[in-house]
């Protein structure tokens, strides 16, 4: 497998990690080259991004042989066996540790500035690099992350030799690698563009991710007296907010919706991901198909959001959530600036379809034939501005590589076109 560059590798790696979004992970990139890859992973998973600064402690007489590692927060991991085999004296051990700790502090200040580290206690952590040669640094990073309190450590890389991967299955709880070629000589051979990542790029990506994360907050949505858990993200200067309504069997933690939300955030749009049902209500299967109740609740939540932010509002709905969004947008007092349905069931909105006034984009996978037919019929019933976009090679959940990214780009363009002009 050949990668165009680190951005391409990150996007492909993110596709193999989407299942981890449900664990609300932290993504850590190894500097420098691992950070552009990690940025794409964090963006797709809607996860916080940080840099993992680790320094290997090398035996003085044989620097390539590591007897341990140091990380931020005073974390030190020492292999007593290698200390004994390498005949590392107490004095040598202390001298190496002092030098590497000082170098680590300098690196951390350069990359993170005054920002605090993202806490790892009890979290699932994904350690990302642009590739592995020997695996020594990646192994040290995993050990340091675990010592910093991570409950689960996943190492994720685009490419690595098979023997290095085998050695890393001890330090990491899980290893995700897109390509493990036997004829492996160097990581750079598997990239068309493997130019060195400058410090400035690392700083810019970390700052961008930190700015987005700093504006995300947990909220309690008041939907007509019902209190619902939500995640509200407001990028700096955001002039509109998109409310997400998920489908049956999903939640506000849906990796697909979080990925789309991250794409909207990068375009300057605020997002609100929330659950339309309480945990107790979700246990009753019939509730997730009660479109009228879900639609009324979305309308109530919209009124709550308007009191919080006086900006244009859009709806993004998936599966049955799209039906609820269309039902709410079809009410007489609805003032929705734009609506996007991904793999939606607009037929479940019934006669409300004809009352929708918001510009509506229907996105359907080309291989989702049944739902495609339902959306084609719905288009004939809609009287508002509308469009049907069919994503080639996509099934209902848009799990095929690149298909969700295409859907996110279509949604981003639709919302920026219809919501942001209203905000000016």
Protein backbone atom coordinates (compact mmCIF):
# COMPACT_ATOMS: atom_id res chain seq x y z
CA UNK A 1 0.00 0.00 0.00
CA UNK A 2 1.39 3.39 -1.02
CA UNK A 3 0.34 6.66 0.65
CA UNK A 4 0.32 10.03 -1.09
CA UNK A 5 1.46 11.88 2.03
CA UNK A 6 0.86 11.94 5.78
CA UNK A 7 -2.57 13.54 5.36
CA UNK A 8 -3.66 10.74 3.05
CA UNK A 9 -2.23 8.15 5.45
CA UNK A 10 -4.09 9.75 8.34
CA UNK A 11 -7.41 9.69 6.55
CA UNK A 12 -7.01 6.04 5.63
CA UNK A 13 -5.90 5.15 9.14
CA UNK A 14 -8.91 6.98 10.56
CA UNK A 15 -11.18 4.68 8.57
CA UNK A 16 -9.69 1.66 10.33
CA UNK A 17 -10.15 3.31 13.74
CA UNK A 18 -13.73 4.60 13.49
CA UNK A 19 -15.01 1.84 15.78
CA UNK A 20 -12.97 3.37 18.62
CA UNK A 21 -14.93 6.64 18.57
CA UNK A 22 -17.50 5.01 20.87
CA UNK A 23 -14.76 4.81 23.55
CA UNK A 24 -14.31 8.60 23.57
CA UNK A 25 -10.54 8.27 23.05
CA UNK A 26 -7.63 10.69 23.22
CA UNK A 27 -5.37 10.74 20.15
CA UNK A 28 -1.63 11.32 20.68
CA UNK A 29 0.78 11.98 17.82
CA UNK A 30 4.50 11.25 18.00
CA UNK A 31 6.44 14.28 16.80
CA UNK A 32 7.10 15.31 14.27
CA UNK A 33 5.77 13.10 11.47
CA UNK A 34 3.13 11.38 13.55
CA UNK A 35 1.23 14.59 14.31
CA UNK A 36 -0.18 15.23 10.78
CA UNK A 37 -1.36 11.61 10.70
CA UNK A 38 -2.85 11.88 14.21
CA UNK A 39 -4.59 15.15 13.30
CA UNK A 40 -6.66 13.38 10.64
CA UNK A 41 -7.48 10.53 13.03
CA UNK A 42 -8.59 12.93 15.79
CA UNK A 43 -10.65 14.94 13.32
CA UNK A 44 -12.48 11.85 12.02
CA UNK A 45 -13.16 10.49 15.50
CA UNK A 46 -14.10 13.86 16.99
CA UNK A 47 -11.42 13.21 19.62
CA UNK A 48 -9.00 15.54 21.42
CA UNK A 49 -5.49 15.66 19.95
CA UNK A 50 -2.24 16.07 21.84
CA UNK A 51 1.42 15.34 21.28
CA UNK A 52 3.16 12.49 23.10
CA UNK A 53 6.67 13.61 24.00
CA UNK A 54 8.85 10.71 25.04
CA UNK A 55 12.62 10.31 25.27
CA UNK A 56 14.30 6.96 25.08
CA UNK A 57 17.04 6.25 27.64
CA UNK A 58 19.95 4.64 25.82
CA UNK A 59 22.79 2.58 27.26
CA UNK A 60 25.83 4.92 27.18
CA UNK A 61 28.05 2.40 25.38
CA UNK A 62 25.31 1.44 22.91
CA UNK A 63 22.83 4.32 22.45
CA UNK A 64 20.49 2.34 20.21
CA UNK A 65 19.81 -0.08 23.07
CA UNK A 66 17.18 1.52 25.26
CA UNK A 67 16.99 0.67 28.93
CA UNK A 68 13.92 2.81 29.51
CA UNK A 69 12.08 5.99 28.68
CA UNK A 70 10.91 9.20 30.31
CA UNK A 71 7.72 11.12 29.67
CA UNK A 72 5.96 14.22 30.88
CA UNK A 73 4.68 14.39 34.41
CA UNK A 74 7.80 12.75 35.84
CA UNK A 75 6.96 9.39 34.28
CA UNK A 76 9.89 7.01 33.97
CA UNK A 77 9.87 3.46 32.68
CA UNK A 78 13.02 1.43 33.38
CA UNK A 79 13.91 -2.10 32.26
CA UNK A 80 15.94 -3.61 35.09
CA UNK A 81 16.96 -6.51 32.84
CA UNK A 82 18.56 -4.24 30.23
CA UNK A 83 20.18 -2.13 32.95
CA UNK A 84 21.77 -5.30 34.29
CA UNK A 85 22.74 -6.75 30.88
CA UNK A 86 24.08 -3.39 29.67
CA UNK A 87 25.99 -2.93 32.92
CA UNK A 88 24.59 0.55 33.38
CA UNK A 89 25.86 2.03 36.61
CA UNK A 90 23.72 4.14 38.92
CA UNK A 91 25.76 7.19 37.95
CA UNK A 92 25.34 6.56 34.22
CA UNK A 93 21.62 5.90 34.63
CA UNK A 94 21.15 9.18 36.53
CA UNK A 95 23.22 11.16 34.02
CA UNK A 96 21.31 9.82 30.99
CA UNK A 97 17.98 10.40 32.71
CA UNK A 98 18.88 14.02 33.62
CA UNK A 99 19.93 14.81 30.05
CA UNK A 100 16.88 13.23 28.44
CA UNK A 101 14.46 14.78 30.95
CA UNK A 102 15.84 18.23 30.14
CA UNK A 103 15.52 17.55 26.41
CA UNK A 104 11.96 16.30 26.92
CA UNK A 105 10.94 19.46 28.79
CA UNK A 106 12.30 21.58 25.95
CA UNK A 107 10.40 19.59 23.33
CA UNK A 108 7.17 19.75 25.29
CA UNK A 109 7.43 23.54 25.67
CA UNK A 110 8.17 23.97 21.99
CA UNK A 111 5.25 21.88 20.77
CA UNK A 112 2.58 22.60 23.38
CA UNK A 113 3.49 26.03 24.71
CA UNK A 114 1.43 26.96 27.76
CA UNK A 115 -1.36 24.48 27.04
CA UNK A 116 -1.73 21.70 29.62
CA UNK A 117 -1.51 18.05 28.61
CA UNK A 118 -4.78 16.34 27.79
CA UNK A 119 -5.53 14.14 30.86
CA UNK A 120 -5.27 10.41 30.15
CA UNK A 121 -6.51 8.93 33.44
CA UNK A 122 -8.95 6.12 32.72
CA UNK A 123 -9.15 6.97 29.01
CA UNK A 124 -8.62 4.93 25.87
CA UNK A 125 -5.58 6.39 24.13
CA UNK A 126 -4.58 6.01 20.48
CA UNK A 127 -0.85 6.55 19.91
CA UNK A 128 -0.18 7.47 16.27
CA UNK A 129 3.01 7.66 14.21
CA UNK A 130 3.62 7.93 10.46
CA UNK A 131 5.27 4.52 10.41
CA UNK A 132 7.52 2.18 12.37
CA UNK A 133 11.06 1.05 11.67
CA UNK A 134 12.38 -0.70 14.79
CA UNK A 135 9.43 0.16 17.03
CA UNK A 136 11.60 1.23 19.99
CA UNK A 137 10.17 4.76 20.24
CA UNK A 138 6.59 3.57 19.72
CA UNK A 139 7.01 0.94 22.45
CA UNK A 140 8.41 3.56 24.83
CA UNK A 141 5.48 5.87 24.03
CA UNK A 142 2.95 3.15 24.81
CA UNK A 143 4.64 2.38 28.12
CA UNK A 144 4.74 6.06 29.07
CA UNK A 145 1.07 6.56 28.15
CA UNK A 146 0.09 3.61 30.31
CA UNK A 147 2.14 4.98 33.20
CA UNK A 148 0.31 8.31 32.77
CA UNK A 149 -2.96 6.55 33.61
CA UNK A 150 -4.41 5.33 30.30
CA UNK A 151 -6.88 2.48 30.74
CA UNK A 152 -6.33 1.16 27.22
CA UNK A 153 -3.52 1.83 24.75
CA UNK A 154 -3.91 1.39 21.00
CA UNK A 155 -0.95 1.90 18.69
CA UNK A 156 -1.95 2.97 15.18
CA UNK A 157 0.38 3.38 12.19
CA UNK A 158 0.00 3.34 8.40
CA UNK A 159 2.96 1.02 7.74
CA UNK A 160 5.42 -1.16 9.67
CA UNK A 161 7.51 -4.33 9.21
CA UNK A 162 5.84 -7.52 10.50
CA UNK A 163 8.55 -8.31 13.07
CA UNK A 164 8.27 -4.86 14.69
CA UNK A 165 4.50 -5.21 14.92
CA UNK A 166 4.88 -8.53 16.71
CA UNK A 167 7.13 -6.92 19.34
CA UNK A 168 4.68 -4.05 19.90
CA UNK A 169 1.74 -6.25 20.84
CA UNK A 170 3.11 -6.36 24.38
CA UNK A 171 3.41 -2.62 25.16
CA UNK A 172 0.08 -1.89 23.41
CA UNK A 173 -3.29 -3.50 24.10
CA UNK A 174 -4.04 -3.40 20.39
CA UNK A 175 -2.07 -2.54 17.26
CA UNK A 176 -3.72 -1.20 14.10
CA UNK A 177 -1.54 -1.14 10.98
CA UNK A 178 -2.77 -0.66 7.42
CA UNK A 179 0.18 -2.29 5.69
CA UNK A 180 2.90 -4.69 6.92
CA UNK A 181 5.06 -5.43 3.85
CA UNK A 182 7.69 -8.14 4.18
CA UNK A 183 10.02 -6.29 1.83
CA UNK A 184 10.40 -3.38 4.26
CA UNK A 185 13.51 -1.19 4.35
CA UNK A 186 12.33 2.29 5.38
CA UNK A 187 9.06 4.05 6.21
CA UNK A 188 9.62 6.70 3.53
CA UNK A 189 9.53 4.12 0.74
CA UNK A 190 5.78 3.76 1.28
CA UNK A 191 5.01 7.47 0.80
CA UNK A 192 5.11 9.44 -2.44
CA UNK A 193 5.79 12.57 -0.38
CA UNK A 194 7.73 11.94 2.83
CA UNK A 195 9.36 15.33 3.27
CA UNK A 196 10.27 16.21 6.84
CA UNK A 197 7.47 17.70 8.93
CA UNK A 198 8.58 21.13 10.18
CA UNK A 199 7.96 22.27 13.74
CA UNK A 200 5.70 25.02 12.40
CA UNK A 201 3.29 22.48 10.93
CA UNK A 202 3.17 20.53 14.20
CA UNK A 203 2.49 23.73 16.15
CA UNK A 204 -0.26 24.81 13.74
CA UNK A 205 -2.07 21.45 13.83
CA UNK A 206 -1.92 21.19 17.62
CA UNK A 207 -3.16 24.77 18.01
CA UNK A 208 -6.03 24.16 15.60
CA UNK A 209 -7.07 21.00 17.42
CA UNK A 210 -6.77 22.67 20.82
CA UNK A 211 -8.90 25.61 19.71
CA UNK A 212 -11.64 23.28 18.53
CA UNK A 213 -11.51 21.17 21.70
CA UNK A 214 -11.52 24.22 23.96
CA UNK A 215 -14.87 25.26 22.55
CA UNK A 216 -16.55 21.88 22.95
CA UNK A 217 -18.60 21.42 26.09
CA UNK A 218 -21.11 19.00 27.57
CA UNK A 219 -24.56 20.50 27.91
CA UNK A 220 -27.97 19.47 29.19
CA UNK A 221 -30.58 20.20 26.54
CA UNK A 222 -34.03 21.19 27.82
CA UNK A 223 -36.51 19.67 25.37
CA UNK A 224 -39.89 20.71 26.70
CA UNK A 225 -38.97 19.76 30.27
CA UNK A 226 -37.08 16.60 29.31
CA UNK A 227 -33.37 16.85 30.09
CA UNK A 228 -31.14 15.37 27.38
CA UNK A 229 -27.36 14.96 27.30
CA UNK A 230 -25.52 16.78 24.52
CA UNK A 231 -22.14 17.94 23.21
CA UNK A 232 -22.00 21.53 21.95
CA UNK A 233 -19.02 22.71 19.89
CA UNK A 234 -18.68 26.37 18.96
CA UNK A 235 -15.63 27.25 16.84
CA UNK A 236 -14.40 30.82 17.18
CA UNK A 237 -16.71 33.15 15.29
CA UNK A 238 -19.20 30.42 14.45
CA UNK A 239 -22.22 32.10 12.87
CA UNK A 240 -24.52 29.07 12.74
CA UNK A 241 -25.15 25.80 14.57
CA UNK A 242 -26.11 22.42 13.11
CA UNK A 243 -28.17 20.10 15.31
CA UNK A 244 -27.56 16.36 14.80
CA UNK A 245 -30.28 13.75 15.10
CA UNK A 246 -29.02 10.17 15.00
CA UNK A 247 -30.80 7.07 13.82
CA UNK A 248 -32.15 4.05 15.65
CA UNK A 249 -29.63 2.10 17.69
CA UNK A 250 -27.16 5.00 17.69
CA UNK A 251 -26.32 7.89 20.05
CA UNK A 252 -24.59 11.26 20.13
CA UNK A 253 -21.33 9.27 20.32
CA UNK A 254 -21.89 7.86 16.81
CA UNK A 255 -18.46 7.85 15.11
CA UNK A 256 -20.06 8.71 11.78
CA UNK A 257 -21.91 11.76 13.08
CA UNK A 258 -18.87 12.86 15.11
CA UNK A 259 -16.75 12.66 11.97
CA UNK A 260 -19.21 14.81 10.02
CA UNK A 261 -19.46 17.25 12.93
CA UNK A 262 -15.67 17.63 13.00
CA UNK A 263 -15.70 18.52 9.29
CA UNK A 264 -18.38 21.15 9.94
CA UNK A 265 -16.41 22.57 12.89
CA UNK A 266 -13.33 23.00 10.70
CA UNK A 267 -15.52 25.00 8.30
CA UNK A 268 -16.53 27.33 11.15
CA UNK A 269 -19.94 25.82 11.90
CA UNK A 270 -21.07 25.05 15.43
CA UNK A 271 -22.55 21.63 16.15
CA UNK A 272 -24.86 20.16 18.77
CA UNK A 273 -24.90 16.37 19.07
CA UNK A 274 -27.49 15.17 21.55
CA UNK A 275 -29.71 12.21 22.35
CA UNK A 276 -33.42 12.62 21.59
CA UNK A 277 -34.31 9.95 24.15
CA UNK A 278 -33.35 9.48 27.77
CA UNK A 279 -31.45 6.29 28.69
CA UNK A 280 -34.64 4.81 30.12
CA UNK A 281 -36.64 5.63 26.99
CA UNK A 282 -34.01 4.03 24.75
CA UNK A 283 -34.72 0.63 26.31
CA UNK A 284 -38.14 0.66 24.64
CA UNK A 285 -37.46 -0.19 20.98
CA UNK A 286 -40.71 1.37 19.80
CA UNK A 287 -39.57 4.81 20.96
CA UNK A 288 -36.81 5.06 18.36
CA UNK A 289 -39.41 4.77 15.59
CA UNK A 290 -41.89 7.23 17.13
CA UNK A 291 -41.07 9.95 14.62
CA UNK A 292 -43.74 12.38 15.82
CA UNK A 293 -42.45 12.29 19.40
CA UNK A 294 -38.84 12.59 18.25
CA UNK A 295 -39.75 15.47 15.94
CA UNK A 296 -41.60 17.35 18.70
CA UNK A 297 -38.66 16.85 21.02
CA UNK A 298 -36.25 18.17 18.37
CA UNK A 299 -38.45 21.24 17.92
CA UNK A 300 -38.40 21.82 21.71
CA UNK A 301 -34.62 21.41 21.77
CA UNK A 302 -34.35 23.91 18.91
CA UNK A 303 -36.24 26.50 20.96
CA UNK A 304 -33.82 25.87 23.85
CA UNK A 305 -30.83 26.39 21.54
CA UNK A 306 -32.26 29.64 20.16
CA UNK A 307 -32.36 31.02 23.71
CA UNK A 308 -28.71 30.07 24.08
CA UNK A 309 -27.46 31.22 20.66
CA UNK A 310 -29.28 33.64 18.38
CA UNK A 311 -27.85 32.26 15.13
CA UNK A 312 -29.16 30.37 12.08
CA UNK A 313 -29.81 26.70 12.81
CA UNK A 314 -29.57 23.67 10.56
CA UNK A 315 -30.47 20.00 10.99
CA UNK A 316 -28.34 16.98 10.09
CA UNK A 317 -30.22 13.70 10.38
CA UNK A 318 -29.19 10.10 9.78
CA UNK A 319 -31.53 7.16 9.18
CA UNK A 320 -34.67 7.58 11.32
CA UNK A 321 -33.13 10.75 12.77
CA UNK A 322 -33.53 12.33 9.34
CA UNK A 323 -37.26 11.63 9.50
CA UNK A 324 -37.45 13.41 12.87
CA UNK A 325 -35.52 16.36 11.43
CA UNK A 326 -37.89 16.62 8.46
CA UNK A 327 -40.93 16.33 10.74
CA UNK A 328 -39.66 19.18 12.94
CA UNK A 329 -38.66 21.30 9.93
CA UNK A 330 -42.18 20.90 8.53
CA UNK A 331 -43.90 22.53 11.51
CA UNK A 332 -45.58 25.88 10.91
CA UNK A 333 -43.24 27.85 13.21
CA UNK A 334 -40.00 26.17 12.13
CA UNK A 335 -37.25 28.53 11.02
CA UNK A 336 -34.55 26.13 9.90
CA UNK A 337 -31.89 27.46 7.55
CA UNK A 338 -30.87 24.15 5.94
CA UNK A 339 -31.32 20.41 6.37
CA UNK A 340 -29.15 17.45 5.36
CA UNK A 341 -30.23 13.81 5.46
CA UNK A 342 -27.57 11.06 5.31
CA UNK A 343 -28.95 7.61 4.53
CA UNK A 344 -32.24 8.95 5.82
CA UNK A 345 -35.76 7.58 5.95
CA UNK A 346 -37.71 10.64 4.76
CA UNK A 347 -40.73 8.44 4.08
CA UNK A 348 -41.26 8.16 7.85
CA UNK A 349 -41.92 11.92 8.03
CA UNK A 350 -45.20 11.28 6.18
CA UNK A 351 -47.25 14.28 5.05
CA UNK A 352 -44.84 16.70 6.80
CA UNK A 353 -42.50 16.43 3.80
CA UNK A 354 -44.66 18.81 1.77
CA UNK A 355 -44.46 21.43 4.54
CA UNK A 356 -40.65 21.55 4.81
CA UNK A 357 -39.35 24.97 3.74
CA UNK A 358 -35.66 24.57 4.58
CA UNK A 359 -33.33 23.83 1.64
CA UNK A 360 -32.87 20.06 1.89
CA UNK A 361 -30.02 17.85 0.73
CA UNK A 362 -30.57 14.10 0.59
CA UNK A 363 -27.36 12.02 0.62
CA UNK A 364 -27.65 8.29 -0.10
CA UNK A 365 -25.16 5.53 -0.85
CA UNK A 366 -25.38 4.11 -4.34
CA UNK A 367 -25.44 0.56 -2.93
CA UNK A 368 -28.21 1.37 -0.43
CA UNK A 369 -30.82 0.62 -3.06
CA UNK A 370 -33.94 0.40 -0.89
CA UNK A 371 -33.24 3.69 0.90
CA UNK A 372 -32.26 5.29 -2.41
CA UNK A 373 -35.70 4.50 -3.79
CA UNK A 374 -37.37 5.99 -0.72
CA UNK A 375 -35.33 9.19 -1.11
CA UNK A 376 -36.15 9.46 -4.80
CA UNK A 377 -39.84 9.27 -3.92
CA UNK A 378 -39.42 11.82 -1.10
CA UNK A 379 -37.82 14.28 -3.53
CA UNK A 380 -41.01 14.27 -5.56
CA UNK A 381 -42.98 15.21 -2.44
CA UNK A 382 -40.69 17.99 -1.23
CA UNK A 383 -41.71 21.48 -2.34
CA UNK A 384 -38.66 23.30 -0.98
CA UNK A 385 -35.28 23.71 -2.68
CA UNK A 386 -33.80 20.23 -2.63
CA UNK A 387 -31.15 17.99 -4.13
CA UNK A 388 -30.32 14.27 -4.09
CA UNK A 389 -26.63 13.34 -4.07
CA UNK A 390 -25.67 9.69 -4.55
CA UNK A 391 -22.27 8.60 -3.19
CA UNK A 392 -20.72 5.89 -5.40
CA UNK A 393 -19.72 2.66 -3.68
CA UNK A 394 -21.43 3.52 -0.38
CA UNK A 395 -23.80 1.30 1.58
CA UNK A 396 -26.24 2.47 4.25
CA UNK A 397 -23.65 3.25 6.96
CA UNK A 398 -21.03 4.76 4.62
CA UNK A 399 -18.39 2.40 6.00
CA UNK A 400 -16.48 2.07 2.73
CA UNK A 401 -13.18 4.01 2.54
CA UNK A 402 -13.68 7.64 1.55
CA UNK A 403 -17.47 7.50 1.34
CA UNK A 404 -18.16 9.16 4.70
CA UNK A 405 -15.61 11.88 3.91
CA UNK A 406 -17.47 12.56 0.67
CA UNK A 407 -20.80 12.74 2.51
CA UNK A 408 -19.26 15.11 5.09
CA UNK A 409 -17.94 17.38 2.33
CA UNK A 410 -21.36 17.49 0.66
CA UNK A 411 -23.02 18.38 3.98
CA UNK A 412 -20.37 21.02 4.77
CA UNK A 413 -20.85 22.73 1.42
CA UNK A 414 -24.66 22.68 1.74
CA UNK A 415 -24.63 24.19 5.23
CA UNK A 416 -22.01 26.84 4.50
CA UNK A 417 -23.94 27.85 1.39
CA UNK A 418 -27.31 28.18 3.13
CA UNK A 419 -26.51 28.99 6.77
CA UNK A 420 -23.49 31.27 6.79
CA UNK A 421 -24.92 33.90 4.39
CA UNK A 422 -27.89 34.21 6.79
CA UNK A 423 -25.47 34.79 9.66
CA UNK A 424 -23.89 37.85 8.02
